[in-house]
Every structure is written in C-alpha cells, then in structure tokens.
Amino acid sequence: MTAPDQAKPAATVLFVDDDAMVCRSMSRCLERAGFQVTTVTSAEEALAKADQSRFDAIVTDHNMPTMTGGELIDRLLTRDPTLRGRIILTSGDLHTEANESLLKRTGTRGLQKPFQLAELSLAVRAAVAKAATLTAA
C-alpha cells in the first residue's frame, strides 16, 4: 500500500513595504498566484523574519523611511549570499544610475512602479525557480 501523494508546499515570499495597504493588496495577489506570503512594513522587520525563516523569494520596496531597499538587500546578501538572484526591488525611480548599479552588483531584479500584477507574479516565479535550483544542488 502506498501513501497518498502529498501536495508540494507553496513557495514562500517575504514582501517588504512601509505601506501596510500595499502589503495587504500584494499579499492577496501573490497568495492567489499560489505563494505563501509573509509581509512586513520595515526593513528591520524583514531582517528579523529572514533570520527566523528561509524564504524562496523576497520582494522589497526601495524607498522606506529608516533603511532603503538597497541597504536591506546588501544586509540580506551579507547574511545569506544564496539570496542572490532571489530578491526583487520595486521602485518608482528604478532607472537611476545608483539603482541600476545596485541591481547589477547584487543580482537583484527590479520592477518599476507602477507594475502589473502579472509582472510581479512572473518575477517571483523566476526567483522561486532560482531557489529550487539551489535546493536541488
């Protein structure tokens, strides 16, 4: 007798934005796309969550009050270099020289605000695929 197939657990996403309403709406969107989402409203909370749990993908806003998304990305990658390629930066001013440099240096994908929900879902799927290749190796 064989055990019934167990459903594969949903990929985990940490969503970081200082606007709680954005967190709620993006969380609902990503959950409908099949992801398990944790939201936080500060970079400091994101660091604490990343210390407690492993996430397949992290989406962060750039312009936040106490620590920018760029600073958060640098700290996350210092703590866990395997996050390279699994972080997505969202910003209304993504295409500045400084942000382009950050994306290139850190292997981060950028999404220019406003973005389509389908773009976010595709970017998260790509990051999750990257995570899957790491666990398979």
N, C-alpha and C. Protein backbone atom coordinates (compact mmCIF):
# COMPACT_ATOMS: atom_id res chain seq x y z
N MET A 1 0.85 -1.17 0.00
CA MET A 1 0.00 0.00 0.00
C MET A 1 0.90 1.24 0.00
N THR A 2 0.61 2.19 -0.88
CA THR A 2 1.44 3.39 -0.97
C THR A 2 0.74 4.56 -0.30
N ALA A 3 1.54 5.48 0.18
CA ALA A 3 0.99 6.68 0.81
C ALA A 3 0.42 7.60 -0.26
N PRO A 4 -0.66 8.30 0.07
CA PRO A 4 -1.22 9.23 -0.92
C PRO A 4 -0.23 10.36 -1.20
N ASP A 5 -0.29 10.85 -2.44
CA ASP A 5 0.58 11.97 -2.81
C ASP A 5 0.29 13.16 -1.90
N GLN A 6 1.36 13.74 -1.41
CA GLN A 6 1.20 14.94 -0.59
C GLN A 6 1.46 16.15 -1.46
N ALA A 7 0.64 17.17 -1.25
CA ALA A 7 0.80 18.40 -2.04
C ALA A 7 2.14 19.05 -1.70
N LYS A 8 2.79 19.55 -2.73
CA LYS A 8 4.04 20.26 -2.54
C LYS A 8 3.75 21.57 -1.81
N PRO A 9 4.53 21.90 -0.78
CA PRO A 9 4.26 23.15 -0.08
C PRO A 9 4.45 24.36 -0.99
N ALA A 10 3.67 25.39 -0.72
CA ALA A 10 3.76 26.61 -1.53
C ALA A 10 5.10 27.29 -1.29
N ALA A 11 5.62 27.91 -2.33
CA ALA A 11 6.85 28.69 -2.21
C ALA A 11 6.59 29.87 -1.29
N THR A 12 7.61 30.22 -0.52
CA THR A 12 7.46 31.28 0.47
C THR A 12 8.05 32.60 -0.03
N VAL A 13 7.32 33.67 0.23
CA VAL A 13 7.73 35.00 -0.22
C VAL A 13 7.65 35.96 0.97
N LEU A 14 8.70 36.74 1.15
CA LEU A 14 8.69 37.84 2.12
C LEU A 14 8.47 39.12 1.33
N PHE A 15 7.41 39.85 1.66
CA PHE A 15 7.07 41.10 0.96
C PHE A 15 7.27 42.25 1.93
N VAL A 16 8.12 43.22 1.54
CA VAL A 16 8.50 44.33 2.40
C VAL A 16 8.09 45.66 1.77
N ASP A 17 7.24 46.40 2.48
CA ASP A 17 6.85 47.74 2.03
C ASP A 17 6.37 48.52 3.25
N ASP A 18 6.77 49.77 3.36
CA ASP A 18 6.37 50.55 4.53
C ASP A 18 4.90 50.94 4.50
N ASP A 19 4.20 50.70 3.41
CA ASP A 19 2.76 50.99 3.30
C ASP A 19 1.99 49.69 3.55
N ALA A 20 1.30 49.63 4.70
CA ALA A 20 0.57 48.42 5.08
C ALA A 20 -0.50 48.04 4.06
N MET A 21 -1.11 49.03 3.43
CA MET A 21 -2.14 48.74 2.42
C MET A 21 -1.53 48.05 1.21
N VAL A 22 -0.36 48.48 0.80
CA VAL A 22 0.35 47.82 -0.32
C VAL A 22 0.67 46.38 0.08
N CYS A 23 1.13 46.19 1.30
CA CYS A 23 1.44 44.83 1.77
C CYS A 23 0.21 43.94 1.68
N ARG A 24 -0.93 44.44 2.16
CA ARG A 24 -2.16 43.63 2.13
C ARG A 24 -2.56 43.28 0.70
N SER A 25 -2.56 44.27 -0.18
CA SER A 25 -3.04 44.00 -1.54
C SER A 25 -2.07 43.10 -2.31
N MET A 26 -0.78 43.32 -2.17
CA MET A 26 0.19 42.47 -2.87
C MET A 26 0.21 41.06 -2.28
N SER A 27 -0.02 40.95 -0.99
CA SER A 27 -0.09 39.64 -0.36
C SER A 27 -1.26 38.84 -0.94
N ARG A 28 -2.42 39.49 -1.05
CA ARG A 28 -3.58 38.80 -1.64
C ARG A 28 -3.29 38.35 -3.07
N CYS A 29 -2.67 39.22 -3.84
CA CYS A 29 -2.33 38.91 -5.23
C CYS A 29 -1.40 37.69 -5.29
N LEU A 30 -0.34 37.72 -4.51
CA LEU A 30 0.63 36.62 -4.54
C LEU A 30 0.04 35.33 -3.98
N GLU A 31 -0.82 35.43 -2.98
CA GLU A 31 -1.47 34.23 -2.46
C GLU A 31 -2.38 33.61 -3.51
N ARG A 32 -3.10 34.44 -4.26
CA ARG A 32 -3.95 33.91 -5.35
C ARG A 32 -3.10 33.22 -6.41
N ALA A 33 -1.85 33.65 -6.56
CA ALA A 33 -0.94 33.03 -7.52
C ALA A 33 -0.29 31.76 -6.96
N GLY A 34 -0.62 31.43 -5.71
CA GLY A 34 -0.15 30.17 -5.14
C GLY A 34 1.03 30.26 -4.19
N PHE A 35 1.40 31.46 -3.79
CA PHE A 35 2.53 31.62 -2.88
C PHE A 35 2.07 31.76 -1.43
N GLN A 36 2.94 31.39 -0.52
CA GLN A 36 2.72 31.64 0.91
C GLN A 36 3.46 32.92 1.24
N VAL A 37 2.75 33.95 1.68
CA VAL A 37 3.34 35.29 1.80
C VAL A 37 3.39 35.75 3.25
N THR A 38 4.53 36.29 3.62
CA THR A 38 4.71 36.99 4.90
C THR A 38 4.98 38.44 4.56
N THR A 39 4.28 39.37 5.22
CA THR A 39 4.51 40.79 4.95
C THR A 39 5.06 41.48 6.19
N VAL A 40 5.91 42.46 5.95
CA VAL A 40 6.43 43.32 7.00
C VAL A 40 6.48 44.75 6.47
N THR A 41 6.45 45.71 7.39
CA THR A 41 6.40 47.10 6.97
C THR A 41 7.69 47.88 7.24
N SER A 42 8.77 47.16 7.52
CA SER A 42 10.07 47.84 7.67
C SER A 42 11.20 46.88 7.32
N ALA A 43 12.32 47.46 6.96
CA ALA A 43 13.50 46.67 6.63
C ALA A 43 14.00 45.93 7.87
N GLU A 44 13.89 46.55 9.02
CA GLU A 44 14.34 45.90 10.26
C GLU A 44 13.51 44.64 10.54
N GLU A 45 12.20 44.73 10.33
CA GLU A 45 11.34 43.55 10.49
C GLU A 45 11.71 42.48 9.47
N ALA A 46 12.05 42.91 8.27
CA ALA A 46 12.44 41.96 7.22
C ALA A 46 13.69 41.19 7.63
N LEU A 47 14.66 41.88 8.17
CA LEU A 47 15.89 41.22 8.63
C LEU A 47 15.58 40.20 9.72
N ALA A 48 14.72 40.58 10.65
CA ALA A 48 14.35 39.66 11.74
C ALA A 48 13.64 38.43 11.18
N LYS A 49 12.71 38.63 10.26
CA LYS A 49 11.99 37.50 9.65
C LYS A 49 12.94 36.60 8.87
N ALA A 50 13.87 37.21 8.14
CA ALA A 50 14.83 36.42 7.35
C ALA A 50 15.76 35.63 8.26
N ASP A 51 16.01 36.12 9.46
CA ASP A 51 16.80 35.36 10.43
C ASP A 51 16.03 34.17 10.99
N GLN A 52 14.70 34.31 11.06
CA GLN A 52 13.85 33.28 11.65
C GLN A 52 13.43 32.20 10.65
N SER A 53 13.27 32.59 9.39
CA SER A 53 12.72 31.67 8.38
C SER A 53 13.50 31.82 7.08
N ARG A 54 13.43 30.76 6.27
CA ARG A 54 14.03 30.80 4.94
C ARG A 54 12.93 31.09 3.93
N PHE A 55 13.16 32.08 3.09
CA PHE A 55 12.18 32.46 2.07
C PHE A 55 12.73 32.12 0.69
N ASP A 56 11.84 31.66 -0.17
CA ASP A 56 12.24 31.34 -1.54
C ASP A 56 12.49 32.61 -2.35
N ALA A 57 11.75 33.68 -2.02
CA ALA A 57 11.90 34.96 -2.71
C ALA A 57 11.60 36.09 -1.74
N ILE A 58 12.23 37.24 -1.99
CA ILE A 58 11.98 38.43 -1.19
C ILE A 58 11.70 39.58 -2.15
N VAL A 59 10.61 40.30 -1.89
CA VAL A 59 10.25 41.48 -2.66
C VAL A 59 10.33 42.66 -1.71
N THR A 60 11.10 43.68 -2.08
CA THR A 60 11.21 44.85 -1.22
C THR A 60 11.03 46.15 -1.98
N ASP A 61 10.35 47.07 -1.34
CA ASP A 61 10.26 48.43 -1.84
C ASP A 61 11.62 49.08 -1.64
N HIS A 62 11.92 50.08 -2.45
CA HIS A 62 13.20 50.77 -2.29
C HIS A 62 13.12 51.92 -1.30
N ASN A 63 12.13 52.78 -1.47
CA ASN A 63 12.05 53.99 -0.65
C ASN A 63 11.26 53.73 0.63
N MET A 64 12.01 53.47 1.70
CA MET A 64 11.42 53.25 3.02
C MET A 64 12.11 54.19 4.00
N PRO A 65 11.46 54.51 5.12
CA PRO A 65 11.96 55.57 5.99
C PRO A 65 13.30 55.34 6.70
N THR A 66 13.54 54.21 7.30
CA THR A 66 14.75 54.07 8.12
C THR A 66 15.89 53.33 7.44
N MET A 67 15.57 52.54 6.44
CA MET A 67 16.59 51.80 5.69
C MET A 67 16.03 51.58 4.29
N THR A 68 16.80 51.92 3.28
CA THR A 68 16.31 51.75 1.91
C THR A 68 16.28 50.26 1.54
N GLY A 69 15.57 49.97 0.47
CA GLY A 69 15.58 48.61 -0.05
C GLY A 69 16.97 48.18 -0.45
N GLY A 70 17.76 49.10 -0.98
CA GLY A 70 19.14 48.79 -1.35
C GLY A 70 19.98 48.39 -0.15
N GLU A 71 19.82 49.13 0.93
CA GLU A 71 20.55 48.79 2.17
C GLU A 71 20.09 47.43 2.71
N LEU A 72 18.78 47.19 2.62
CA LEU A 72 18.24 45.90 3.06
C LEU A 72 18.84 44.77 2.23
N ILE A 73 18.87 44.95 0.92
CA ILE A 73 19.42 43.92 0.04
C ILE A 73 20.87 43.63 0.41
N ASP A 74 21.66 44.67 0.60
CA ASP A 74 23.06 44.46 0.99
C ASP A 74 23.17 43.66 2.28
N ARG A 75 22.36 44.00 3.27
CA ARG A 75 22.41 43.28 4.55
C ARG A 75 21.94 41.83 4.41
N LEU A 76 20.88 41.63 3.63
CA LEU A 76 20.39 40.26 3.41
C LEU A 76 21.45 39.40 2.74
N LEU A 77 22.10 39.95 1.71
CA LEU A 77 23.11 39.18 0.98
C LEU A 77 24.36 38.94 1.81
N THR A 78 24.69 39.85 2.70
CA THR A 78 25.82 39.63 3.61
C THR A 78 25.52 38.46 4.54
N ARG A 79 24.29 38.40 5.01
CA ARG A 79 23.88 37.32 5.92
C ARG A 79 23.69 35.99 5.19
N ASP A 80 23.18 36.06 3.96
CA ASP A 80 22.88 34.84 3.21
C ASP A 80 23.12 35.07 1.71
N PRO A 81 24.34 34.79 1.25
CA PRO A 81 24.65 35.01 -0.17
C PRO A 81 23.79 34.18 -1.13
N THR A 82 23.16 33.11 -0.65
CA THR A 82 22.31 32.31 -1.55
C THR A 82 21.04 33.06 -1.95
N LEU A 83 20.78 34.21 -1.35
CA LEU A 83 19.63 35.02 -1.75
C LEU A 83 19.87 35.77 -3.06
N ARG A 84 21.11 35.78 -3.52
CA ARG A 84 21.43 36.47 -4.79
C ARG A 84 20.55 35.89 -5.91
N GLY A 85 19.89 36.77 -6.62
CA GLY A 85 19.00 36.34 -7.70
C GLY A 85 17.59 36.01 -7.23
N ARG A 86 17.36 36.10 -5.92
CA ARG A 86 16.03 35.77 -5.38
C ARG A 86 15.37 36.97 -4.71
N ILE A 87 15.95 38.15 -4.92
CA ILE A 87 15.38 39.38 -4.36
C ILE A 87 14.91 40.27 -5.50
N ILE A 88 13.76 40.88 -5.28
CA ILE A 88 13.15 41.78 -6.28
C ILE A 88 12.99 43.15 -5.63
N LEU A 89 13.50 44.17 -6.27
CA LEU A 89 13.40 45.54 -5.78
C LEU A 89 12.33 46.27 -6.57
N THR A 90 11.37 46.88 -5.86
CA THR A 90 10.35 47.69 -6.52
C THR A 90 10.60 49.16 -6.21
N SER A 91 10.44 50.01 -7.23
CA SER A 91 10.70 51.43 -7.03
C SER A 91 10.04 52.24 -8.13
N GLY A 92 9.64 53.43 -7.77
CA GLY A 92 9.11 54.37 -8.75
C GLY A 92 10.21 55.06 -9.52
N ASP A 93 11.44 54.98 -9.01
CA ASP A 93 12.58 55.59 -9.69
C ASP A 93 13.70 54.57 -9.88
N LEU A 94 13.32 53.46 -10.43
CA LEU A 94 14.23 52.33 -10.59
C LEU A 94 15.40 52.62 -11.52
N HIS A 95 15.18 53.42 -12.53
CA HIS A 95 16.17 53.58 -13.59
C HIS A 95 17.14 54.74 -13.35
N THR A 96 17.55 54.91 -12.10
CA THR A 96 18.62 55.86 -11.81
C THR A 96 19.94 55.12 -11.90
N GLU A 97 21.01 55.87 -12.04
CA GLU A 97 22.34 55.25 -12.13
C GLU A 97 22.65 54.43 -10.87
N ALA A 98 22.30 54.98 -9.71
CA ALA A 98 22.58 54.27 -8.45
C ALA A 98 21.78 52.97 -8.35
N ASN A 99 20.52 53.01 -8.73
CA ASN A 99 19.70 51.80 -8.66
C ASN A 99 20.13 50.76 -9.69
N GLU A 100 20.47 51.21 -10.88
CA GLU A 100 20.95 50.27 -11.91
C GLU A 100 22.23 49.58 -11.42
N SER A 101 23.10 50.34 -10.79
CA SER A 101 24.34 49.78 -10.24
C SER A 101 24.04 48.77 -9.14
N LEU A 102 23.10 49.11 -8.26
CA LEU A 102 22.70 48.20 -7.18
C LEU A 102 22.18 46.88 -7.76
N LEU A 103 21.30 46.96 -8.74
CA LEU A 103 20.71 45.76 -9.33
C LEU A 103 21.80 44.87 -9.93
N LYS A 104 22.71 45.48 -10.66
CA LYS A 104 23.78 44.72 -11.30
C LYS A 104 24.72 44.10 -10.27
N ARG A 105 25.12 44.90 -9.28
CA ARG A 105 26.07 44.44 -8.26
C ARG A 105 25.50 43.31 -7.40
N THR A 106 24.21 43.34 -7.13
CA THR A 106 23.61 42.38 -6.21
C THR A 106 22.86 41.24 -6.90
N GLY A 107 22.74 41.30 -8.23
CA GLY A 107 21.98 40.26 -8.93
C GLY A 107 20.50 40.32 -8.65
N THR A 108 20.03 41.52 -8.32
CA THR A 108 18.63 41.73 -7.96
C THR A 108 17.83 42.11 -9.21
N ARG A 109 16.61 41.61 -9.26
CA ARG A 109 15.71 42.01 -10.34
C ARG A 109 14.94 43.24 -9.90
N GLY A 110 14.71 44.17 -10.82
CA GLY A 110 13.95 45.37 -10.50
C GLY A 110 12.60 45.39 -11.18
N LEU A 111 11.62 45.95 -10.48
CA LEU A 111 10.30 46.19 -11.06
C LEU A 111 9.98 47.66 -10.88
N GLN A 112 9.76 48.36 -11.99
CA GLN A 112 9.42 49.77 -11.96
C GLN A 112 7.96 49.92 -11.55
N LYS A 113 7.70 50.76 -10.54
CA LYS A 113 6.32 51.06 -10.15
C LYS A 113 5.77 52.14 -11.08
N PRO A 114 4.53 52.09 -11.44
CA PRO A 114 3.60 51.01 -11.13
C PRO A 114 3.85 49.82 -12.05
N PHE A 115 3.69 48.62 -11.51
CA PHE A 115 3.89 47.42 -12.31
C PHE A 115 2.58 46.65 -12.36
N GLN A 116 2.48 45.78 -13.35
CA GLN A 116 1.31 44.92 -13.47
C GLN A 116 1.44 43.75 -12.49
N LEU A 117 0.34 43.28 -11.98
CA LEU A 117 0.38 42.16 -11.04
C LEU A 117 0.99 40.93 -11.69
N ALA A 118 0.74 40.76 -12.98
CA ALA A 118 1.34 39.63 -13.70
C ALA A 118 2.85 39.74 -13.73
N GLU A 119 3.39 40.96 -13.84
CA GLU A 119 4.85 41.15 -13.81
C GLU A 119 5.43 40.72 -12.47
N LEU A 120 4.75 41.10 -11.39
CA LEU A 120 5.20 40.71 -10.06
C LEU A 120 5.18 39.20 -9.91
N SER A 121 4.11 38.58 -10.33
CA SER A 121 3.99 37.13 -10.23
C SER A 121 5.10 36.42 -11.02
N LEU A 122 5.36 36.90 -12.23
CA LEU A 122 6.42 36.30 -13.04
C LEU A 122 7.80 36.48 -12.41
N ALA A 123 8.05 37.66 -11.86
CA ALA A 123 9.34 37.92 -11.21
C ALA A 123 9.52 37.01 -10.00
N VAL A 124 8.46 36.83 -9.22
CA VAL A 124 8.53 35.96 -8.05
C VAL A 124 8.73 34.51 -8.49
N ARG A 125 8.03 34.09 -9.52
CA ARG A 125 8.21 32.72 -10.03
C ARG A 125 9.66 32.48 -10.46
N ALA A 126 10.27 33.46 -11.11
CA ALA A 126 11.67 33.33 -11.54
C ALA A 126 12.59 33.22 -10.32
N ALA A 127 12.33 34.01 -9.29
CA ALA A 127 13.14 33.95 -8.07
C ALA A 127 12.96 32.60 -7.37
N VAL A 128 11.74 32.10 -7.35
CA VAL A 128 11.47 30.80 -6.73
C VAL A 128 12.16 29.69 -7.51
N ALA A 129 12.18 29.80 -8.84
CA ALA A 129 12.88 28.82 -9.66
C ALA A 129 14.37 28.80 -9.32
N LYS A 130 14.92 29.98 -9.07
CA LYS A 130 16.32 30.09 -8.66
C LYS A 130 16.54 29.37 -7.33
N ALA A 131 15.60 29.56 -6.40
CA ALA A 131 15.69 28.89 -5.10
C ALA A 131 15.62 27.38 -5.27
N ALA A 132 14.78 26.92 -6.18
CA ALA A 132 14.64 25.48 -6.40
C ALA A 132 15.94 24.87 -6.92
N THR A 133 16.66 25.61 -7.76
CA THR A 133 17.93 25.08 -8.28
C THR A 133 18.97 25.00 -7.18
N LEU A 134 18.89 25.88 -6.19
CA LEU A 134 19.83 25.84 -5.07
C LEU A 134 19.58 24.63 -4.18
N THR A 135 18.30 24.31 -3.95
CA THR A 135 17.99 23.18 -3.07
C THR A 135 18.21 21.85 -3.77
N ALA A 136 18.14 21.86 -5.10
CA ALA A 136 18.35 20.63 -5.86
C ALA A 136 19.84 20.30 -5.97
N ALA A 137 20.68 21.32 -5.84
CA ALA A 137 22.13 21.13 -6.00
C ALA A 137 22.76 20.45 -4.81
